[in-house]
Amino acid sequence: MRTLFARPTQDWPVLGLQGQKLGSIVRCAFDADTGRLKYLELQTSWQTIHLDWPHLRFDEQLQSFKLTKIGQASGRNPQASGARSESDDWES
């Protein structure tokens, strides 16, 4: 399975379970075969983690992603495994 990566062209905040800002999306990963979003890469002030797509929802009114439940997050580097292709832009 190949993974494609894209970077946002604007700031997309991520809000925690209580509405607090955790950080911003710096990259997203797509399954190259299906085109489905796999995870978003969140940059906080202390680390970069992967948030699985099923654990998030987009709030159009706030123009932010919100955590919907606590799940496993990974601090691993997405460049460390699998083939990758990177785009400079990501449109909403």
N, C-alpha and C. Protein backbone atom coordinates (compact mmCIF):
# COMPACT_ATOMS: atom_id res chain seq x y z
N MET A 1 0.83 -1.17 0.00
CA MET A 1 0.00 0.00 0.00
C MET A 1 0.88 1.24 0.00
N ARG A 2 0.63 2.14 -0.96
CA ARG A 2 1.38 3.37 -1.04
C ARG A 2 0.63 4.49 -0.32
N THR A 3 1.39 5.42 0.23
CA THR A 3 0.81 6.56 0.93
C THR A 3 1.27 7.84 0.24
N LEU A 4 0.32 8.73 -0.02
CA LEU A 4 0.61 10.04 -0.58
C LEU A 4 0.43 11.09 0.50
N PHE A 5 1.27 12.11 0.48
CA PHE A 5 1.22 13.17 1.49
C PHE A 5 0.93 14.51 0.84
N ALA A 6 0.22 15.37 1.56
CA ALA A 6 -0.07 16.73 1.09
C ALA A 6 0.03 17.68 2.28
N ARG A 7 0.36 18.94 1.98
CA ARG A 7 0.44 19.97 3.02
C ARG A 7 -0.71 20.95 2.83
N PRO A 8 -1.29 21.42 3.92
CA PRO A 8 -2.37 22.41 3.81
C PRO A 8 -1.85 23.74 3.26
N THR A 9 -2.73 24.48 2.61
CA THR A 9 -2.36 25.80 2.11
C THR A 9 -2.80 26.90 3.07
N GLN A 10 -3.46 26.51 4.15
CA GLN A 10 -3.86 27.47 5.18
C GLN A 10 -3.77 26.80 6.54
N ASP A 11 -3.90 27.57 7.61
CA ASP A 11 -3.84 27.02 8.95
C ASP A 11 -5.14 26.30 9.29
N TRP A 12 -5.05 25.03 9.66
CA TRP A 12 -6.20 24.24 10.08
C TRP A 12 -5.97 23.82 11.53
N PRO A 13 -6.59 24.53 12.49
CA PRO A 13 -6.42 24.18 13.90
C PRO A 13 -7.09 22.85 14.23
N VAL A 14 -6.57 22.20 15.28
CA VAL A 14 -7.18 21.00 15.84
C VAL A 14 -7.54 21.32 17.28
N LEU A 15 -8.81 21.06 17.62
CA LEU A 15 -9.31 21.32 18.96
C LEU A 15 -9.45 20.01 19.72
N GLY A 16 -9.15 20.06 21.02
CA GLY A 16 -9.25 18.88 21.86
C GLY A 16 -10.68 18.59 22.28
N LEU A 17 -10.85 17.59 23.13
CA LEU A 17 -12.17 17.15 23.57
C LEU A 17 -12.93 18.24 24.33
N GLN A 18 -12.21 19.15 24.99
CA GLN A 18 -12.85 20.26 25.70
C GLN A 18 -12.81 21.56 24.90
N GLY A 19 -12.45 21.50 23.64
CA GLY A 19 -12.43 22.68 22.79
C GLY A 19 -11.14 23.47 22.82
N GLN A 20 -10.14 23.01 23.52
CA GLN A 20 -8.86 23.70 23.60
C GLN A 20 -8.05 23.46 22.32
N LYS A 21 -7.30 24.49 21.87
CA LYS A 21 -6.48 24.32 20.68
C LYS A 21 -5.26 23.48 21.03
N LEU A 22 -5.09 22.40 20.28
CA LEU A 22 -3.96 21.50 20.49
C LEU A 22 -2.78 21.85 19.59
N GLY A 23 -3.08 22.35 18.39
CA GLY A 23 -2.05 22.65 17.42
C GLY A 23 -2.70 22.80 16.06
N SER A 24 -1.91 22.60 15.00
CA SER A 24 -2.41 22.76 13.63
C SER A 24 -1.97 21.59 12.77
N ILE A 25 -2.76 21.34 11.73
CA ILE A 25 -2.44 20.29 10.77
C ILE A 25 -1.27 20.77 9.90
N VAL A 26 -0.23 19.94 9.79
CA VAL A 26 0.90 20.29 8.94
C VAL A 26 1.00 19.39 7.72
N ARG A 27 0.30 18.25 7.76
CA ARG A 27 0.35 17.33 6.62
C ARG A 27 -0.77 16.31 6.77
N CYS A 28 -1.23 15.78 5.65
CA CYS A 28 -2.21 14.70 5.69
C CYS A 28 -1.71 13.56 4.82
N ALA A 29 -2.18 12.36 5.15
CA ALA A 29 -1.75 11.16 4.43
C ALA A 29 -2.96 10.49 3.80
N PHE A 30 -2.82 10.13 2.53
CA PHE A 30 -3.88 9.47 1.78
C PHE A 30 -3.42 8.10 1.32
N ASP A 31 -4.35 7.17 1.26
CA ASP A 31 -4.08 5.87 0.66
C ASP A 31 -4.04 6.09 -0.85
N ALA A 32 -2.94 5.79 -1.49
CA ALA A 32 -2.77 6.05 -2.92
C ALA A 32 -3.70 5.21 -3.78
N ASP A 33 -4.09 4.05 -3.30
CA ASP A 33 -4.94 3.17 -4.09
C ASP A 33 -6.41 3.56 -4.02
N THR A 34 -6.88 3.99 -2.86
CA THR A 34 -8.30 4.30 -2.69
C THR A 34 -8.58 5.80 -2.68
N GLY A 35 -7.56 6.61 -2.41
CA GLY A 35 -7.75 8.05 -2.30
C GLY A 35 -8.32 8.48 -0.96
N ARG A 36 -8.49 7.55 -0.06
CA ARG A 36 -9.07 7.86 1.26
C ARG A 36 -8.03 8.49 2.19
N LEU A 37 -8.53 9.44 2.97
CA LEU A 37 -7.68 10.07 3.98
C LEU A 37 -7.40 9.07 5.09
N LYS A 38 -6.12 8.89 5.41
CA LYS A 38 -5.73 7.94 6.46
C LYS A 38 -5.56 8.64 7.80
N TYR A 39 -4.77 9.69 7.80
CA TYR A 39 -4.54 10.42 9.05
C TYR A 39 -4.09 11.83 8.75
N LEU A 40 -4.17 12.67 9.77
CA LEU A 40 -3.67 14.03 9.71
C LEU A 40 -2.49 14.14 10.66
N GLU A 41 -1.50 14.88 10.26
CA GLU A 41 -0.32 15.08 11.10
C GLU A 41 -0.48 16.41 11.85
N LEU A 42 -0.52 16.34 13.16
CA LEU A 42 -0.75 17.48 14.03
C LEU A 42 0.57 17.95 14.62
N GLN A 43 0.85 19.25 14.46
CA GLN A 43 2.04 19.84 15.09
C GLN A 43 1.57 20.61 16.32
N THR A 44 2.04 20.19 17.48
CA THR A 44 1.76 20.90 18.72
C THR A 44 3.02 21.67 19.11
N SER A 45 2.96 22.36 20.22
CA SER A 45 4.16 23.09 20.65
C SER A 45 5.24 22.16 21.17
N TRP A 46 4.91 20.89 21.40
CA TRP A 46 5.89 19.97 21.98
C TRP A 46 6.18 18.74 21.14
N GLN A 47 5.32 18.42 20.14
CA GLN A 47 5.57 17.22 19.34
C GLN A 47 4.72 17.22 18.08
N THR A 48 5.02 16.28 17.20
CA THR A 48 4.22 16.04 16.00
C THR A 48 3.62 14.64 16.15
N ILE A 49 2.31 14.54 15.98
CA ILE A 49 1.63 13.24 16.12
C ILE A 49 0.67 13.03 14.96
N HIS A 50 0.33 11.77 14.73
CA HIS A 50 -0.64 11.39 13.72
C HIS A 50 -1.98 11.16 14.39
N LEU A 51 -3.02 11.73 13.80
CA LEU A 51 -4.37 11.52 14.29
C LEU A 51 -5.15 10.77 13.23
N ASP A 52 -5.62 9.59 13.57
CA ASP A 52 -6.39 8.79 12.62
C ASP A 52 -7.67 9.53 12.26
N TRP A 53 -8.01 9.52 10.98
CA TRP A 53 -9.16 10.24 10.48
C TRP A 53 -10.46 9.91 11.21
N PRO A 54 -10.74 8.65 11.57
CA PRO A 54 -12.01 8.36 12.26
C PRO A 54 -12.14 9.03 13.63
N HIS A 55 -11.06 9.57 14.17
CA HIS A 55 -11.10 10.21 15.49
C HIS A 55 -11.29 11.71 15.41
N LEU A 56 -11.58 12.22 14.21
CA LEU A 56 -11.72 13.65 13.99
C LEU A 56 -13.01 13.95 13.22
N ARG A 57 -13.47 15.18 13.37
CA ARG A 57 -14.53 15.69 12.50
C ARG A 57 -14.20 17.15 12.22
N PHE A 58 -14.71 17.65 11.10
CA PHE A 58 -14.45 19.04 10.74
C PHE A 58 -15.64 19.87 11.13
N ASP A 59 -15.41 20.96 11.87
CA ASP A 59 -16.45 21.90 12.29
C ASP A 59 -16.40 23.09 11.33
N GLU A 60 -17.38 23.17 10.43
CA GLU A 60 -17.38 24.22 9.42
C GLU A 60 -17.51 25.61 10.04
N GLN A 61 -18.30 25.72 11.09
CA GLN A 61 -18.51 27.03 11.73
C GLN A 61 -17.20 27.56 12.32
N LEU A 62 -16.44 26.70 12.98
CA LEU A 62 -15.18 27.10 13.60
C LEU A 62 -13.99 26.99 12.64
N GLN A 63 -14.20 26.36 11.47
CA GLN A 63 -13.12 26.11 10.52
C GLN A 63 -11.95 25.42 11.21
N SER A 64 -12.29 24.37 11.96
CA SER A 64 -11.30 23.61 12.74
C SER A 64 -11.66 22.14 12.72
N PHE A 65 -10.65 21.31 12.93
CA PHE A 65 -10.88 19.90 13.18
C PHE A 65 -11.05 19.71 14.68
N LYS A 66 -11.92 18.79 15.07
CA LYS A 66 -12.14 18.50 16.49
C LYS A 66 -11.95 17.01 16.74
N LEU A 67 -11.30 16.70 17.86
CA LEU A 67 -11.21 15.31 18.27
C LEU A 67 -12.61 14.84 18.65
N THR A 68 -12.96 13.63 18.27
CA THR A 68 -14.27 13.09 18.62
C THR A 68 -14.16 12.04 19.71
N LYS A 69 -13.00 11.45 19.84
CA LYS A 69 -12.77 10.46 20.89
C LYS A 69 -11.27 10.31 21.08
N ILE A 70 -10.92 9.77 22.20
CA ILE A 70 -9.50 9.53 22.46
C ILE A 70 -9.11 8.24 21.77
N GLY A 71 -8.07 8.30 21.00
CA GLY A 71 -7.59 7.13 20.29
C GLY A 71 -6.08 7.09 20.36
N GLN A 72 -5.51 6.18 19.64
CA GLN A 72 -4.07 6.08 19.63
C GLN A 72 -3.49 7.13 18.69
N ALA A 73 -2.53 7.83 19.17
CA ALA A 73 -1.79 8.78 18.35
C ALA A 73 -0.36 8.27 18.28
N SER A 74 0.28 8.55 17.18
CA SER A 74 1.64 8.06 16.98
C SER A 74 2.58 9.22 16.77
N GLY A 75 3.72 9.19 17.43
CA GLY A 75 4.74 10.22 17.23
C GLY A 75 5.71 9.84 16.13
N ARG A 76 5.42 8.76 15.40
CA ARG A 76 6.36 8.28 14.39
C ARG A 76 6.42 9.21 13.19
N ASN A 77 7.50 9.15 12.49
CA ASN A 77 7.73 9.97 11.31
C ASN A 77 7.14 9.25 10.10
N PRO A 78 6.18 9.86 9.38
CA PRO A 78 5.57 9.18 8.24
C PRO A 78 6.53 8.93 7.10
N GLN A 79 7.65 9.63 7.05
CA GLN A 79 8.61 9.42 5.99
C GLN A 79 9.44 8.17 6.21
N ALA A 80 9.36 7.60 7.40
CA ALA A 80 10.20 6.46 7.74
C ALA A 80 9.73 5.17 7.10
N SER A 81 8.46 5.11 6.65
CA SER A 81 7.99 3.85 6.08
C SER A 81 7.16 4.09 4.83
N GLY A 82 7.24 3.15 3.91
CA GLY A 82 6.40 3.20 2.71
C GLY A 82 6.87 4.19 1.67
N ALA A 83 6.34 4.01 0.47
CA ALA A 83 6.64 4.94 -0.60
C ALA A 83 5.91 6.24 -0.34
N ARG A 84 6.45 7.33 -0.83
CA ARG A 84 5.79 8.60 -0.58
C ARG A 84 5.94 9.54 -1.75
N SER A 85 4.93 10.33 -1.91
CA SER A 85 4.92 11.39 -2.89
C SER A 85 4.34 12.59 -2.20
N GLU A 86 4.89 13.76 -2.43
CA GLU A 86 4.44 14.92 -1.67
C GLU A 86 3.94 16.02 -2.58
N SER A 87 2.83 16.61 -2.21
CA SER A 87 2.27 17.72 -2.94
C SER A 87 2.54 19.00 -2.15
N ASP A 88 2.68 20.11 -2.84
CA ASP A 88 2.91 21.37 -2.15
C ASP A 88 1.63 21.97 -1.62
N ASP A 89 0.50 21.63 -2.20
CA ASP A 89 -0.77 22.24 -1.81
C ASP A 89 -1.80 21.21 -1.40
N TRP A 90 -2.72 21.66 -0.55
CA TRP A 90 -3.86 20.85 -0.16
C TRP A 90 -5.03 21.79 -0.05
N GLU A 91 -6.00 21.63 -0.87
CA GLU A 91 -7.16 22.50 -0.87
C GLU A 91 -8.25 21.87 -0.03
N SER A 92 -9.02 22.70 0.67
CA SER A 92 -10.12 22.20 1.49
C SER A 92 -11.32 21.89 0.61
